[in-house]
């Protein structure tokens, strides 16, 4: 399937953290983080599940899963950071569907929902051992809030922000 075919067949579904469609997102993120940061998948899974599910539910948050061919292939979430800022969390693409632009589509969908909910800014952090995520956020127009000339491990978590363009009310 080409990138354009993937994108045409993609459907976003808003789900609760405990929805079975969200399970692959959380499970694969736990495994991914464990391999990159030296913790067990169980520890990472527990940490991911430690956030109250309500934080990723309307009206302040959202958790979306991208479905293709009936299977979850990507997803992500945001929660309220402050009155005007949403914080992106759990941006994920299934390992078998990477390098197709799905992460960028997930981020765009979350930005769209955040804008509808009245947020004017997105904030996020990503890990120092996730250069693919850094590249994603830079390509999606996010501004790094750290000195990019400093080695990644010296920076620690990499913060980013993006101001959202709110559409005028007609």
Protein backbone atom coordinates (compact mmCIF):
# COMPACT_ATOMS: atom_id res chain seq x y z
CA UNK A 1 0.00 0.00 0.00
CA UNK A 2 1.41 3.43 -0.87
CA UNK A 3 1.35 6.40 1.47
CA UNK A 4 -1.61 7.98 -0.34
CA UNK A 5 -3.53 4.69 -0.15
CA UNK A 6 -2.76 4.44 3.58
CA UNK A 7 -4.00 7.97 4.12
CA UNK A 8 -7.19 7.44 2.11
CA UNK A 9 -8.04 4.30 4.08
CA UNK A 10 -7.28 5.89 7.46
CA UNK A 11 -10.13 6.53 9.87
CA UNK A 12 -9.69 8.29 13.21
CA UNK A 13 -11.72 7.03 16.15
CA UNK A 14 -11.93 8.75 19.53
CA UNK A 15 -11.60 6.13 22.26
CA UNK A 16 -11.30 5.80 26.02
CA UNK A 17 -7.95 4.70 27.45
CA UNK A 18 -9.48 1.32 28.37
CA UNK A 19 -10.92 0.70 24.89
CA UNK A 20 -9.46 -2.43 23.22
CA UNK A 21 -8.47 -0.26 20.23
CA UNK A 22 -6.10 1.67 22.52
CA UNK A 23 -4.40 -1.48 23.85
CA UNK A 24 -1.87 -1.87 20.99
CA UNK A 25 -0.89 1.79 21.35
CA UNK A 26 -0.10 1.48 25.06
CA UNK A 27 1.48 -1.98 24.79
CA UNK A 28 3.78 -1.11 21.89
CA UNK A 29 4.77 2.23 23.44
CA UNK A 30 5.72 0.40 26.64
CA UNK A 31 7.92 -2.00 24.68
CA UNK A 32 9.45 0.80 22.60
CA UNK A 33 10.26 2.94 25.64
CA UNK A 34 11.67 -0.06 27.50
CA UNK A 35 14.12 -0.84 24.70
CA UNK A 36 15.21 2.80 24.43
CA UNK A 37 15.44 3.72 28.12
CA UNK A 38 16.45 0.50 29.88
CA UNK A 39 13.34 -0.21 31.93
CA UNK A 40 11.18 -3.30 31.69
CA UNK A 41 8.10 -3.25 29.47
CA UNK A 42 6.02 -3.84 32.61
CA UNK A 43 7.46 -0.76 34.32
CA UNK A 44 6.85 1.34 31.22
CA UNK A 45 3.32 -0.02 30.85
CA UNK A 46 2.54 0.82 34.48
CA UNK A 47 3.87 4.34 33.98
CA UNK A 48 1.77 4.86 30.84
CA UNK A 49 -1.32 3.59 32.67
CA UNK A 50 -0.58 5.76 35.73
CA UNK A 51 -2.16 8.80 34.07
CA UNK A 52 -5.85 8.96 34.97
CA UNK A 53 -7.94 8.02 31.92
CA UNK A 54 -10.12 11.10 32.49
CA UNK A 55 -7.18 13.33 31.52
CA UNK A 56 -7.45 12.01 27.94
CA UNK A 57 -11.23 12.31 27.75
CA UNK A 58 -13.41 15.24 26.66
CA UNK A 59 -13.73 18.04 27.29
CA UNK A 60 -10.09 18.66 28.26
CA UNK A 61 -8.44 15.81 26.41
CA UNK A 62 -8.72 13.31 23.62
CA UNK A 63 -7.32 9.91 22.70
CA UNK A 64 -7.54 8.95 19.04
CA UNK A 65 -6.64 5.78 17.22
CA UNK A 66 -6.10 5.63 13.47
CA UNK A 67 -7.68 2.55 11.96
CA UNK A 68 -6.68 1.06 8.60
CA UNK A 69 -8.05 -2.22 7.32
CA UNK A 70 -9.90 -2.67 10.61
CA UNK A 71 -6.66 -2.55 12.63
CA UNK A 72 -5.22 0.19 14.87
CA UNK A 73 -2.10 1.50 13.10
CA UNK A 74 -1.36 4.80 14.86
CA UNK A 75 -2.69 7.02 17.58
CA UNK A 76 -2.06 9.63 20.18
CA UNK A 77 -3.59 11.78 22.83
CA UNK A 78 -3.64 15.16 24.46
CA UNK A 79 -4.61 16.39 27.87
CA UNK A 80 -5.11 19.84 29.32
CA UNK A 81 -1.79 21.42 30.30
CA UNK A 82 -3.25 24.80 31.26
CA UNK A 83 -6.30 26.88 30.31
CA UNK A 84 -5.01 27.58 26.78
CA UNK A 85 -2.55 24.73 26.21
CA UNK A 86 -3.03 21.06 25.32
CA UNK A 87 -0.17 18.62 25.97
CA UNK A 88 0.46 15.91 23.39
CA UNK A 89 1.12 12.44 24.80
CA UNK A 90 1.47 8.89 23.50
CA UNK A 91 2.06 9.60 19.84
CA UNK A 92 2.45 6.15 18.32
CA UNK A 93 2.68 4.39 14.99
CA UNK A 94 2.68 0.59 14.83
CA UNK A 95 6.16 -0.68 14.00
CA UNK A 96 4.77 -2.37 10.87
CA UNK A 97 3.33 0.93 9.56
CA UNK A 98 6.16 3.40 10.12
CA UNK A 99 7.70 5.71 7.51
CA UNK A 100 4.32 6.35 5.88
CA UNK A 101 3.51 9.75 7.40
CA UNK A 102 0.96 8.39 9.86
CA UNK A 103 2.54 10.12 12.87
CA UNK A 104 2.18 13.48 11.17
CA UNK A 105 -1.48 12.71 10.40
CA UNK A 106 -2.11 11.79 14.05
CA UNK A 107 -0.51 15.02 15.24
CA UNK A 108 -2.59 17.04 12.74
CA UNK A 109 -5.79 15.31 13.92
CA UNK A 110 -4.98 16.04 17.56
CA UNK A 111 -4.22 19.67 16.69
CA UNK A 112 -7.57 19.91 14.87
CA UNK A 113 -9.46 18.58 17.90
CA UNK A 114 -7.49 20.79 20.32
CA UNK A 115 -8.31 23.85 18.22
CA UNK A 116 -12.02 22.90 18.25
CA UNK A 117 -11.83 22.64 22.03
CA UNK A 118 -10.48 26.18 22.30
CA UNK A 119 -6.79 25.52 22.86
CA UNK A 120 -4.38 28.02 21.28
CA UNK A 121 -1.12 26.21 22.01
CA UNK A 122 0.27 22.68 22.03
CA UNK A 123 3.10 21.67 24.34
CA UNK A 124 4.92 18.35 24.44
CA UNK A 125 8.08 16.63 25.52
CA UNK A 126 9.80 13.73 23.86
CA UNK A 127 12.72 11.65 25.01
CA UNK A 128 16.36 12.18 24.16
CA UNK A 129 16.56 8.71 22.61
CA UNK A 130 13.73 9.37 20.17
CA UNK A 131 15.29 11.21 17.20
CA UNK A 132 12.39 10.11 14.97
CA UNK A 133 9.96 11.93 17.26
CA UNK A 134 12.13 15.05 17.26
CA UNK A 135 12.15 14.95 13.44
CA UNK A 136 8.35 14.49 13.39
CA UNK A 137 7.70 17.51 15.58
CA UNK A 138 10.15 19.71 13.70
CA UNK A 139 8.56 18.71 10.38
CA UNK A 140 5.09 19.47 11.81
CA UNK A 141 6.09 23.04 12.67
CA UNK A 142 6.88 22.68 16.36
CA UNK A 143 9.42 25.02 17.97
CA UNK A 144 12.06 23.38 20.17
CA UNK A 145 12.20 24.93 23.64
CA UNK A 146 15.78 23.78 24.21
CA UNK A 147 19.20 24.46 22.75
CA UNK A 148 19.56 22.05 19.82
CA UNK A 149 23.35 22.45 19.89
CA UNK A 150 23.53 20.60 23.22
CA UNK A 151 23.86 16.77 23.04
CA UNK A 152 20.45 15.11 23.32
CA UNK A 153 21.26 13.19 26.51
CA UNK A 154 22.44 16.42 28.19
CA UNK A 155 19.11 18.07 27.34
CA UNK A 156 17.02 15.24 28.78
CA UNK A 157 13.33 15.46 27.85
CA UNK A 158 13.01 17.64 24.74
CA UNK A 159 10.21 20.22 25.08
CA UNK A 160 8.40 21.67 22.05
CA UNK A 161 5.51 24.04 21.45
CA UNK A 162 3.29 25.10 18.61
CA UNK A 163 0.81 27.93 18.47
CA UNK A 164 -2.47 26.87 16.95
CA UNK A 165 -4.26 28.94 14.35
CA UNK A 166 -7.83 29.32 15.51
CA UNK A 167 -10.34 29.60 12.70
CA UNK A 168 -12.57 32.64 12.90
CA UNK A 169 -16.22 32.20 13.68
CA UNK A 170 -18.42 33.14 10.72
